[in-house]
Every structure is written in structure tokens, then in C-alpha cells.
PDB file of N, CA and C in Angstrom:
ATOM      1  N   MET A   1       2.685  15.073   0.384  1.00  0.00           N
ATOM      2  CA  MET A   1       3.776  14.709   1.241  1.00  0.00           C
ATOM      3  C   MET A   1       4.844  15.787   1.134  1.00  0.00           C
ATOM      4  N   SER A   2       5.552  15.948   2.223  1.00  0.00           N
ATOM      5  CA  SER A   2       6.638  16.922   2.284  1.00  0.00           C
ATOM      6  C   SER A   2       7.804  16.297   3.057  1.00  0.00           C
ATOM      7  N   PRO A   3       8.939  16.982   3.128  1.00  0.00           N
ATOM      8  CA  PRO A   3      10.054  16.418   3.905  1.00  0.00           C
ATOM      9  C   PRO A   3       9.704  16.156   5.369  1.00  0.00           C
ATOM     10  N   ALA A   4       8.712  16.851   5.904  1.00  0.00           N
ATOM     11  CA  ALA A   4       8.321  16.660   7.297  1.00  0.00           C
ATOM     12  C   ALA A   4       7.316  15.517   7.488  1.00  0.00           C
ATOM     13  N   THR A   5       6.817  14.951   6.400  1.00  0.00           N
ATOM     14  CA  THR A   5       5.829  13.881   6.482  1.00  0.00           C
ATOM     15  C   THR A   5       6.439  12.639   7.114  1.00  0.00           C
ATOM     16  N   THR A   6       5.740  12.063   8.085  1.00  0.00           N
ATOM     17  CA  THR A   6       6.219  10.840   8.728  1.00  0.00           C
ATOM     18  C   THR A   6       5.290   9.653   8.492  1.00  0.00           C
ATOM     19  N   ARG A   7       4.040   9.906   8.109  1.00  0.00           N
ATOM     20  CA  ARG A   7       3.104   8.812   7.875  1.00  0.00           C
ATOM     21  C   ARG A   7       2.143   9.194   6.766  1.00  0.00           C
ATOM     22  N   VAL A   8       1.805   8.216   5.941  1.00  0.00           N
ATOM     23  CA  VAL A   8       0.776   8.395   4.917  1.00  0.00           C
ATOM     24  C   VAL A   8      -0.025   7.109   4.833  1.00  0.00           C
ATOM     25  N   ILE A   9      -1.229   7.226   4.344  1.00  0.00           N
ATOM     26  CA  ILE A   9      -2.025   6.038   4.052  1.00  0.00           C
ATOM     27  C   ILE A   9      -2.480   6.160   2.606  1.00  0.00           C
ATOM     28  N   ILE A  10      -2.258   5.114   1.861  1.00  0.00           N
ATOM     29  CA  ILE A  10      -2.669   5.049   0.464  1.00  0.00           C
ATOM     30  C   ILE A  10      -3.656   3.900   0.371  1.00  0.00           C
ATOM     31  N   ILE A  11      -4.831   4.183  -0.146  1.00  0.00           N
ATOM     32  CA  ILE A  11      -5.889   3.173  -0.215  1.00  0.00           C
ATOM     33  C   ILE A  11      -6.183   2.862  -1.675  1.00  0.00           C
ATOM     34  N   ALA A  12      -6.233   1.590  -1.991  1.00  0.00           N
ATOM     35  CA  ALA A  12      -6.613   1.128  -3.324  1.00  0.00           C
ATOM     36  C   ALA A  12      -7.713   0.091  -3.154  1.00  0.00           C
ATOM     37  N   GLU A  13      -8.727   0.208  -3.978  1.00  0.00           N
ATOM     38  CA  GLU A  13      -9.848  -0.726  -3.904  1.00  0.00           C
ATOM     39  C   GLU A  13     -10.211  -1.161  -5.314  1.00  0.00           C
ATOM     40  N   ALA A  14     -10.546  -2.412  -5.477  1.00  0.00           N
ATOM     41  CA  ALA A  14     -10.946  -2.921  -6.786  1.00  0.00           C
ATOM     42  C   ALA A  14     -11.927  -4.068  -6.597  1.00  0.00           C
ATOM     43  N   LEU A  15     -12.827  -4.218  -7.539  1.00  0.00           N
ATOM     44  CA  LEU A  15     -13.854  -5.258  -7.438  1.00  0.00           C
ATOM     45  C   LEU A  15     -13.910  -6.182  -8.652  1.00  0.00           C
ATOM     46  N   HIS A  16     -13.048  -5.966  -9.633  1.00  0.00           N
ATOM     47  CA  HIS A  16     -13.089  -6.785 -10.843  1.00  0.00           C
ATOM     48  C   HIS A  16     -12.489  -8.173 -10.581  1.00  0.00           C
ATOM     49  N   ASP A  17     -12.570  -9.041 -11.578  1.00  0.00           N
ATOM     50  CA  ASP A  17     -12.194 -10.450 -11.413  1.00  0.00           C
ATOM     51  C   ASP A  17     -10.760 -10.658 -10.931  1.00  0.00           C
ATOM     52  N   THR A  18      -9.837  -9.839 -11.378  1.00  0.00           N
ATOM     53  CA  THR A  18      -8.439 -10.011 -10.995  1.00  0.00           C
ATOM     54  C   THR A  18      -8.006  -8.952  -9.973  1.00  0.00           C
ATOM     55  N   ALA A  19      -8.967  -8.440  -9.240  1.00  0.00           N
ATOM     56  CA  ALA A  19      -8.698  -7.339  -8.306  1.00  0.00           C
ATOM     57  C   ALA A  19      -7.646  -7.696  -7.261  1.00  0.00           C
ATOM     58  N   SER A  20      -7.733  -8.848  -6.669  1.00  0.00           N
ATOM     59  CA  SER A  20      -6.794  -9.214  -5.617  1.00  0.00           C
ATOM     60  C   SER A  20      -5.357  -9.195  -6.127  1.00  0.00           C
ATOM     61  N   GLU A  21      -5.134  -9.807  -7.277  1.00  0.00           N
ATOM     62  CA  GLU A  21      -3.792  -9.830  -7.858  1.00  0.00           C
ATOM     63  C   GLU A  21      -3.348  -8.433  -8.288  1.00  0.00           C
ATOM     64  N   ASP A  22      -4.267  -7.668  -8.884  1.00  0.00           N
ATOM     65  CA  ASP A  22      -3.928  -6.326  -9.360  1.00  0.00           C
ATOM     66  C   ASP A  22      -3.599  -5.384  -8.206  1.00  0.00           C
ATOM     67  N   VAL A  23      -4.369  -5.459  -7.141  1.00  0.00           N
ATOM     68  CA  VAL A  23      -4.101  -4.595  -5.980  1.00  0.00           C
ATOM     69  C   VAL A  23      -2.786  -5.003  -5.323  1.00  0.00           C
ATOM     70  N   ALA A  24      -2.529  -6.285  -5.222  1.00  0.00           N
ATOM     71  CA  ALA A  24      -1.260  -6.743  -4.648  1.00  0.00           C
ATOM     72  C   ALA A  24      -0.081  -6.221  -5.473  1.00  0.00           C
ATOM     73  N   ARG A  25      -0.202  -6.266  -6.803  1.00  0.00           N
ATOM     74  CA  ARG A  25       0.860  -5.764  -7.686  1.00  0.00           C
ATOM     75  C   ARG A  25       1.016  -4.248  -7.529  1.00  0.00           C
ATOM     76  N   LEU A  26      -0.092  -3.525  -7.414  1.00  0.00           N
ATOM     77  CA  LEU A  26      -0.048  -2.078  -7.210  1.00  0.00           C
ATOM     78  C   LEU A  26       0.633  -1.738  -5.889  1.00  0.00           C
ATOM     79  N   VAL A  27       0.267  -2.428  -4.825  1.00  0.00           N
ATOM     80  CA  VAL A  27       0.871  -2.178  -3.509  1.00  0.00           C
ATOM     81  C   VAL A  27       2.373  -2.425  -3.558  1.00  0.00           C
ATOM     82  N   ALA A  28       2.794  -3.501  -4.188  1.00  0.00           N
ATOM     83  CA  ALA A  28       4.226  -3.795  -4.296  1.00  0.00           C
ATOM     84  C   ALA A  28       4.946  -2.722  -5.103  1.00  0.00           C
ATOM     85  N   THR A  29       4.337  -2.285  -6.188  1.00  0.00           N
ATOM     86  CA  THR A  29       4.941  -1.243  -7.026  1.00  0.00           C
ATOM     87  C   THR A  29       5.071   0.062  -6.253  1.00  0.00           C
ATOM     88  N   LEU A  30       4.016   0.451  -5.541  1.00  0.00           N
ATOM     89  CA  LEU A  30       4.065   1.682  -4.747  1.00  0.00           C
ATOM     90  C   LEU A  30       5.094   1.582  -3.627  1.00  0.00           C
ATOM     91  N   ALA A  31       5.143   0.448  -2.948  1.00  0.00           N
ATOM     92  CA  ALA A  31       6.116   0.270  -1.863  1.00  0.00           C
ATOM     93  C   ALA A  31       7.540   0.364  -2.397  1.00  0.00           C
ATOM     94  N   ASP A  32       7.789  -0.247  -3.548  1.00  0.00           N
ATOM     95  CA  ASP A  32       9.119  -0.170  -4.154  1.00  0.00           C
ATOM     96  C   ASP A  32       9.473   1.266  -4.522  1.00  0.00           C
ATOM     97  N   ALA A  33       8.527   1.989  -5.103  1.00  0.00           N
ATOM     98  CA  ALA A  33       8.775   3.379  -5.495  1.00  0.00           C
ATOM     99  C   ALA A  33       9.017   4.255  -4.274  1.00  0.00           C
ATOM    100  N   LEU A  34       8.236   4.060  -3.228  1.00  0.00           N
ATOM    101  CA  LEU A  34       8.436   4.843  -2.011  1.00  0.00           C
ATOM    102  C   LEU A  34       9.788   4.530  -1.377  1.00  0.00           C
ATOM    103  N   ALA A  35      10.145   3.267  -1.316  1.00  0.00           N
ATOM    104  CA  ALA A  35      11.426   2.882  -0.721  1.00  0.00           C
ATOM    105  C   ALA A  35      12.599   3.467  -1.504  1.00  0.00           C
ATOM    106  N   ALA A  36      12.438   3.599  -2.816  1.00  0.00           N
ATOM    107  CA  ALA A  36      13.510   4.123  -3.657  1.00  0.00           C
ATOM    108  C   ALA A  36      13.663   5.638  -3.543  1.00  0.00           C
ATOM    109  N   THR A  37      12.603   6.324  -3.095  1.00  0.00           N
ATOM    110  CA  THR A  37      12.644   7.784  -3.096  1.00  0.00           C
ATOM    111  C   THR A  37      12.456   8.422  -1.724  1.00  0.00           C
ATOM    112  N   TRP A  38      12.142   7.631  -0.730  1.00  0.00           N
ATOM    113  CA  TRP A  38      11.837   8.174   0.597  1.00  0.00           C
ATOM    114  C   TRP A  38      12.698   7.457   1.625  1.00  0.00           C
ATOM    115  N   PRO A  39      13.206   8.150   2.618  1.00  0.00           N
ATOM    116  CA  PRO A  39      14.109   7.502   3.587  1.00  0.00           C
ATOM    117  C   PRO A  39      13.373   6.716   4.678  1.00  0.00           C
ATOM    118  N   ALA A  40      12.427   5.911   4.284  1.00  0.00           N
ATOM    119  CA  ALA A  40      11.670   5.108   5.257  1.00  0.00           C
ATOM    120  C   ALA A  40      11.337   3.764   4.627  1.00  0.00           C
ATOM    121  N   GLU A  41      11.117   2.779   5.463  1.00  0.00           N
ATOM    122  CA  GLU A  41      10.734   1.452   5.002  1.00  0.00           C
ATOM    123  C   GLU A  41       9.208   1.368   4.947  1.00  0.00           C
ATOM    124  N   PRO A  42       8.620   1.190   3.759  1.00  0.00           N
ATOM    125  CA  PRO A  42       7.164   1.098   3.673  1.00  0.00           C
ATOM    126  C   PRO A  42       6.625  -0.124   4.422  1.00  0.00           C
ATOM    127  N   VAL A  43       5.486   0.044   5.052  1.00  0.00           N
ATOM    128  CA  VAL A  43       4.766  -1.051   5.702  1.00  0.00           C
ATOM    129  C   VAL A  43       3.444  -1.172   4.962  1.00  0.00           C
ATOM    130  N   THR A  44       3.128  -2.362   4.486  1.00  0.00           N
ATOM    131  CA  THR A  44       1.919  -2.545   3.693  1.00  0.00           C
ATOM    132  C   THR A  44       1.024  -3.607   4.317  1.00  0.00           C
ATOM    133  N   ALA A  45      -0.228  -3.597   3.909  1.00  0.00           N
ATOM    134  CA  ALA A  45      -1.185  -4.610   4.344  1.00  0.00           C
ATOM    135  C   ALA A  45      -2.265  -4.740   3.293  1.00  0.00           C
ATOM    136  N   HIS A  46      -2.782  -5.931   3.153  1.00  0.00           N
ATOM    137  CA  HIS A  46      -3.913  -6.203   2.273  1.00  0.00           C
ATOM    138  C   HIS A  46      -5.085  -6.552   3.187  1.00  0.00           C
ATOM    139  N   LEU A  47      -6.018  -5.612   3.346  1.00  0.00           N
ATOM    140  CA  LEU A  47      -7.143  -5.827   4.248  1.00  0.00           C
ATOM    141  C   LEU A  47      -8.225  -6.648   3.555  1.00  0.00           C
ATOM    142  N   SER A  48      -8.937  -7.427   4.355  1.00  0.00           N
ATOM    143  CA  SER A  48     -10.007  -8.283   3.846  1.00  0.00           C
ATOM    144  C   SER A  48     -11.000  -8.529   4.972  1.00  0.00           C
ATOM    145  N   ALA A  49     -12.014  -9.309   4.688  1.00  0.00           N
ATOM    146  CA  ALA A  49     -12.996  -9.652   5.725  1.00  0.00           C
ATOM    147  C   ALA A  49     -12.310 -10.408   6.862  1.00  0.00           C
ATOM    148  N   GLU A  50     -11.321 -11.236   6.523  1.00  0.00           N
ATOM    149  CA  GLU A  50     -10.597 -11.985   7.534  1.00  0.00           C
ATOM    150  C   GLU A  50      -9.582 -11.122   8.278  1.00  0.00           C
ATOM    151  N   ARG A  51      -9.101 -10.071   7.656  1.00  0.00           N
ATOM    152  CA  ARG A  51      -8.127  -9.160   8.253  1.00  0.00           C
ATOM    153  C   ARG A  51      -8.582  -7.726   8.013  1.00  0.00           C
ATOM    154  N   PRO A  52      -9.541  -7.237   8.794  1.00  0.00           N
ATOM    155  CA  PRO A  52     -10.156  -5.940   8.523  1.00  0.00           C
ATOM    156  C   PRO A  52      -9.406  -4.722   9.075  1.00  0.00           C
ATOM    157  N   ALA A  53      -8.290  -4.926   9.732  1.00  0.00           N
ATOM    158  CA  ALA A  53      -7.603  -3.776  10.342  1.00  0.00           C
ATOM    159  C   ALA A  53      -6.112  -3.829  10.026  1.00  0.00           C
ATOM    160  N   PHE A  54      -5.536  -2.632   9.897  1.00  0.00           N
ATOM    161  CA  PHE A  54      -4.097  -2.498   9.675  1.00  0.00           C
ATOM    162  C   PHE A  54      -3.436  -2.422  11.044  1.00  0.00           C
ATOM    163  N   THR A  55      -2.553  -3.366  11.326  1.00  0.00           N
ATOM    164  CA  THR A  55      -1.894  -3.368  12.642  1.00  0.00           C
ATOM    165  C   THR A  55      -0.402  -3.214  12.510  1.00  0.00           C
TER     166      THR A  55
END
């Protein structure tokens, strides 16, 4: 990323027993860190079989 960056996608995947909770915690942590250091509001999504696309 650079000062000219306007969009990024960060992908996290996990398959262990607590994966859903761990990925949700990771996404929240990353969004908080980005919001604290970047002049943009992070938009996040947790994709699944029921919600397979980021909209």
C-alpha cells in the first residue's frame, strides 16, 4: 500500500474448530488498525456458503 492506494483486499481463511470466531476477531483487529492509521473507513465482510460474494 502507498499514499495513492484507494482499495485493498485482505483475505483470511481458517478451517480449525474456532475458525469463525478467530477470523472475525482478526477482521475486527485489522479494521481497527487500518482505521487508526489510514484516512478511510474500512468495509469488511465475512463470506460463507450463504454469503459467497462481497457487495
